[in-house]
């Protein structure tokens, strides 16, 4: 598992000291089917990005989501109890939600 510092380092670019421009220096190579490449190229073009920029952003977004899902929180007993009380409490009244659920949809529905 990565430390916080290692995670922060992953998303920081290496700075070229001569020009002050961020330069990516770590190569990542992969093989794809032509249809996959074409799909990625189409999505990258829609966002005005290069294939590399699009793929790197998408891969980093997914990697961060996976790592965040693995985060382990340690809390003391009183905080743990407080969270459980909130989760076990009945939901608060929500008039807006009640109105929304009372609206009859314009499409046909099956009776329960």
C-alpha atoms as a PDB file:
ATOM      1  CA  UNK A   1       0.000   0.000   0.000  1.00  0.00           C
ATOM      2  CA  UNK A   2       1.282   3.471  -0.886  1.00  0.00           C
ATOM      3  CA  UNK A   3       2.021   6.060   1.736  1.00  0.00           C
ATOM      4  CA  UNK A   4       0.422   9.493   1.465  1.00  0.00           C
ATOM      5  CA  UNK A   5       3.736  10.942   0.305  1.00  0.00           C
ATOM      6  CA  UNK A   6       4.085   8.283  -2.402  1.00  0.00           C
ATOM      7  CA  UNK A   7       0.541   9.009  -3.639  1.00  0.00           C
ATOM      8  CA  UNK A   8       1.296  12.730  -3.773  1.00  0.00           C
ATOM      9  CA  UNK A   9       4.532  12.045  -5.658  1.00  0.00           C
ATOM     10  CA  UNK A  10       2.715  10.013  -8.306  1.00  0.00           C
ATOM     11  CA  UNK A  11       0.561  12.944  -9.373  1.00  0.00           C
ATOM     12  CA  UNK A  12       3.401  15.489  -9.365  1.00  0.00           C
ATOM     13  CA  UNK A  13       5.269  15.975 -12.627  1.00  0.00           C
ATOM     14  CA  UNK A  14       9.044  16.120 -12.846  1.00  0.00           C
ATOM     15  CA  UNK A  15      10.082  19.733 -13.474  1.00  0.00           C
ATOM     16  CA  UNK A  16      12.593  20.425 -16.226  1.00  0.00           C
ATOM     17  CA  UNK A  17      14.979  22.821 -14.491  1.00  0.00           C
ATOM     18  CA  UNK A  18      16.056  24.475 -17.768  1.00  0.00           C
ATOM     19  CA  UNK A  19      12.667  25.577 -19.076  1.00  0.00           C
ATOM     20  CA  UNK A  20      10.489  25.404 -15.977  1.00  0.00           C
ATOM     21  CA  UNK A  21       7.999  23.289 -17.959  1.00  0.00           C
ATOM     22  CA  UNK A  22       6.519  20.128 -16.463  1.00  0.00           C
ATOM     23  CA  UNK A  23       7.918  17.112 -18.304  1.00  0.00           C
ATOM     24  CA  UNK A  24       6.668  13.561 -17.960  1.00  0.00           C
ATOM     25  CA  UNK A  25       9.614  11.196 -18.025  1.00  0.00           C
ATOM     26  CA  UNK A  26       8.247   7.770 -16.968  1.00  0.00           C
ATOM     27  CA  UNK A  27       7.178   5.666 -19.968  1.00  0.00           C
ATOM     28  CA  UNK A  28       4.002   3.574 -19.873  1.00  0.00           C
ATOM     29  CA  UNK A  29       3.478   1.185 -22.781  1.00  0.00           C
ATOM     30  CA  UNK A  30       0.430  -0.927 -23.567  1.00  0.00           C
ATOM     31  CA  UNK A  31      -1.254  -2.735 -26.436  1.00  0.00           C
ATOM     32  CA  UNK A  32      -4.870  -2.193 -27.439  1.00  0.00           C
ATOM     33  CA  UNK A  33      -7.266  -3.411 -30.090  1.00  0.00           C
ATOM     34  CA  UNK A  34      -7.830  -0.969 -32.952  1.00  0.00           C
ATOM     35  CA  UNK A  35     -11.442  -0.439 -31.834  1.00  0.00           C
ATOM     36  CA  UNK A  36     -10.274   0.461 -28.327  1.00  0.00           C
ATOM     37  CA  UNK A  37      -7.697   2.908 -29.694  1.00  0.00           C
ATOM     38  CA  UNK A  38     -10.318   4.481 -31.952  1.00  0.00           C
ATOM     39  CA  UNK A  39     -12.752   4.859 -29.045  1.00  0.00           C
ATOM     40  CA  UNK A  40     -10.068   6.497 -26.893  1.00  0.00           C
ATOM     41  CA  UNK A  41      -9.058   8.788 -29.758  1.00  0.00           C
ATOM     42  CA  UNK A  42     -12.669   9.848 -30.321  1.00  0.00           C
ATOM     43  CA  UNK A  43     -13.206  10.644 -26.629  1.00  0.00           C
ATOM     44  CA  UNK A  44      -9.862  12.481 -26.425  1.00  0.00           C
ATOM     45  CA  UNK A  45     -10.805  14.588 -29.460  1.00  0.00           C
ATOM     46  CA  UNK A  46     -14.140  15.512 -27.890  1.00  0.00           C
ATOM     47  CA  UNK A  47     -12.238  16.868 -24.882  1.00  0.00           C
ATOM     48  CA  UNK A  48      -9.541  18.499 -27.006  1.00  0.00           C
ATOM     49  CA  UNK A  49      -6.790  16.315 -25.549  1.00  0.00           C
ATOM     50  CA  UNK A  50      -4.098  14.102 -26.955  1.00  0.00           C
ATOM     51  CA  UNK A  51      -4.479  10.345 -26.637  1.00  0.00           C
ATOM     52  CA  UNK A  52      -1.684  10.278 -24.034  1.00  0.00           C
ATOM     53  CA  UNK A  53      -3.164  13.089 -21.954  1.00  0.00           C
ATOM     54  CA  UNK A  54      -6.628  11.531 -22.083  1.00  0.00           C
ATOM     55  CA  UNK A  55      -5.403   8.050 -21.139  1.00  0.00           C
ATOM     56  CA  UNK A  56      -3.142   9.294 -18.356  1.00  0.00           C
ATOM     57  CA  UNK A  57      -5.923  11.391 -16.832  1.00  0.00           C
ATOM     58  CA  UNK A  58      -8.429   8.517 -17.035  1.00  0.00           C
ATOM     59  CA  UNK A  59      -5.951   6.010 -15.588  1.00  0.00           C
ATOM     60  CA  UNK A  60      -4.979   8.344 -12.719  1.00  0.00           C
ATOM     61  CA  UNK A  61      -8.640   9.077 -11.921  1.00  0.00           C
ATOM     62  CA  UNK A  62      -9.369   5.339 -11.729  1.00  0.00           C
ATOM     63  CA  UNK A  63      -6.214   4.603  -9.728  1.00  0.00           C
ATOM     64  CA  UNK A  64      -7.083   7.277  -7.181  1.00  0.00           C
ATOM     65  CA  UNK A  65     -10.628   5.906  -6.866  1.00  0.00           C
ATOM     66  CA  UNK A  66      -9.303   2.380  -6.261  1.00  0.00           C
ATOM     67  CA  UNK A  67      -6.832   3.614  -3.643  1.00  0.00           C
ATOM     68  CA  UNK A  68      -9.436   5.765  -1.906  1.00  0.00           C
ATOM     69  CA  UNK A  69     -11.761   2.747  -1.702  1.00  0.00           C
ATOM     70  CA  UNK A  70      -9.009   0.967   0.219  1.00  0.00           C
ATOM     71  CA  UNK A  71      -8.632   3.697   2.814  1.00  0.00           C
ATOM     72  CA  UNK A  72      -8.917   2.451   6.365  1.00  0.00           C
ATOM     73  CA  UNK A  73     -10.287   4.875   8.949  1.00  0.00           C
ATOM     74  CA  UNK A  74      -9.465   4.505  12.607  1.00  0.00           C
ATOM     75  CA  UNK A  75     -11.766   6.294  15.045  1.00  0.00           C
ATOM     76  CA  UNK A  76     -12.250   6.124  18.769  1.00  0.00           C
ATOM     77  CA  UNK A  77     -15.226   4.346  20.301  1.00  0.00           C
ATOM     78  CA  UNK A  78     -17.314   7.498  20.829  1.00  0.00           C
ATOM     79  CA  UNK A  79     -16.946   8.590  17.187  1.00  0.00           C
ATOM     80  CA  UNK A  80     -17.798   5.052  16.053  1.00  0.00           C
ATOM     81  CA  UNK A  81     -20.922   5.061  18.243  1.00  0.00           C
ATOM     82  CA  UNK A  82     -21.943   8.504  16.959  1.00  0.00           C
ATOM     83  CA  UNK A  83     -21.726   7.363  13.337  1.00  0.00           C
ATOM     84  CA  UNK A  84     -23.776   4.256  14.088  1.00  0.00           C
ATOM     85  CA  UNK A  85     -26.427   6.334  15.841  1.00  0.00           C
ATOM     86  CA  UNK A  86     -26.721   8.556  12.782  1.00  0.00           C
ATOM     87  CA  UNK A  87     -27.010   5.543  10.488  1.00  0.00           C
ATOM     88  CA  UNK A  88     -29.573   3.822  12.712  1.00  0.00           C
ATOM     89  CA  UNK A  89     -31.725   6.926  13.238  1.00  0.00           C
ATOM     90  CA  UNK A  90     -34.935   7.229  11.210  1.00  0.00           C
ATOM     91  CA  UNK A  91     -34.627   9.558   8.225  1.00  0.00           C
ATOM     92  CA  UNK A  92     -35.573  13.180   8.762  1.00  0.00           C
ATOM     93  CA  UNK A  93     -38.760  14.452   7.156  1.00  0.00           C
ATOM     94  CA  UNK A  94     -38.135  15.648   3.609  1.00  0.00           C
ATOM     95  CA  UNK A  95     -41.192  17.445   2.175  1.00  0.00           C
ATOM     96  CA  UNK A  96     -39.522  17.909  -1.219  1.00  0.00           C
ATOM     97  CA  UNK A  97     -38.878  14.191  -1.560  1.00  0.00           C
ATOM     98  CA  UNK A  98     -42.430  13.397  -0.437  1.00  0.00           C
ATOM     99  CA  UNK A  99     -43.847  15.716  -3.133  1.00  0.00           C
ATOM    100  CA  UNK A 100     -41.582  14.181  -5.757  1.00  0.00           C
ATOM    101  CA  UNK A 101     -42.609  10.630  -4.881  1.00  0.00           C
ATOM    102  CA  UNK A 102     -46.304  11.625  -4.971  1.00  0.00           C
ATOM    103  CA  UNK A 103     -46.084  12.792  -8.608  1.00  0.00           C
ATOM    104  CA  UNK A 104     -47.768  10.391 -11.022  1.00  0.00           C
ATOM    105  CA  UNK A 105     -45.339   9.620 -13.877  1.00  0.00           C
ATOM    106  CA  UNK A 106     -46.560  10.400 -17.408  1.00  0.00           C
ATOM    107  CA  UNK A 107     -45.690   6.896 -18.624  1.00  0.00           C
ATOM    108  CA  UNK A 108     -47.749   3.784 -17.905  1.00  0.00           C
ATOM    109  CA  UNK A 109     -46.772   1.846 -14.803  1.00  0.00           C
ATOM    110  CA  UNK A 110     -47.641  -1.562 -13.474  1.00  0.00           C
ATOM    111  CA  UNK A 111     -49.624  -1.714 -10.285  1.00  0.00           C
ATOM    112  CA  UNK A 112     -47.762  -3.410  -7.396  1.00  0.00           C
END
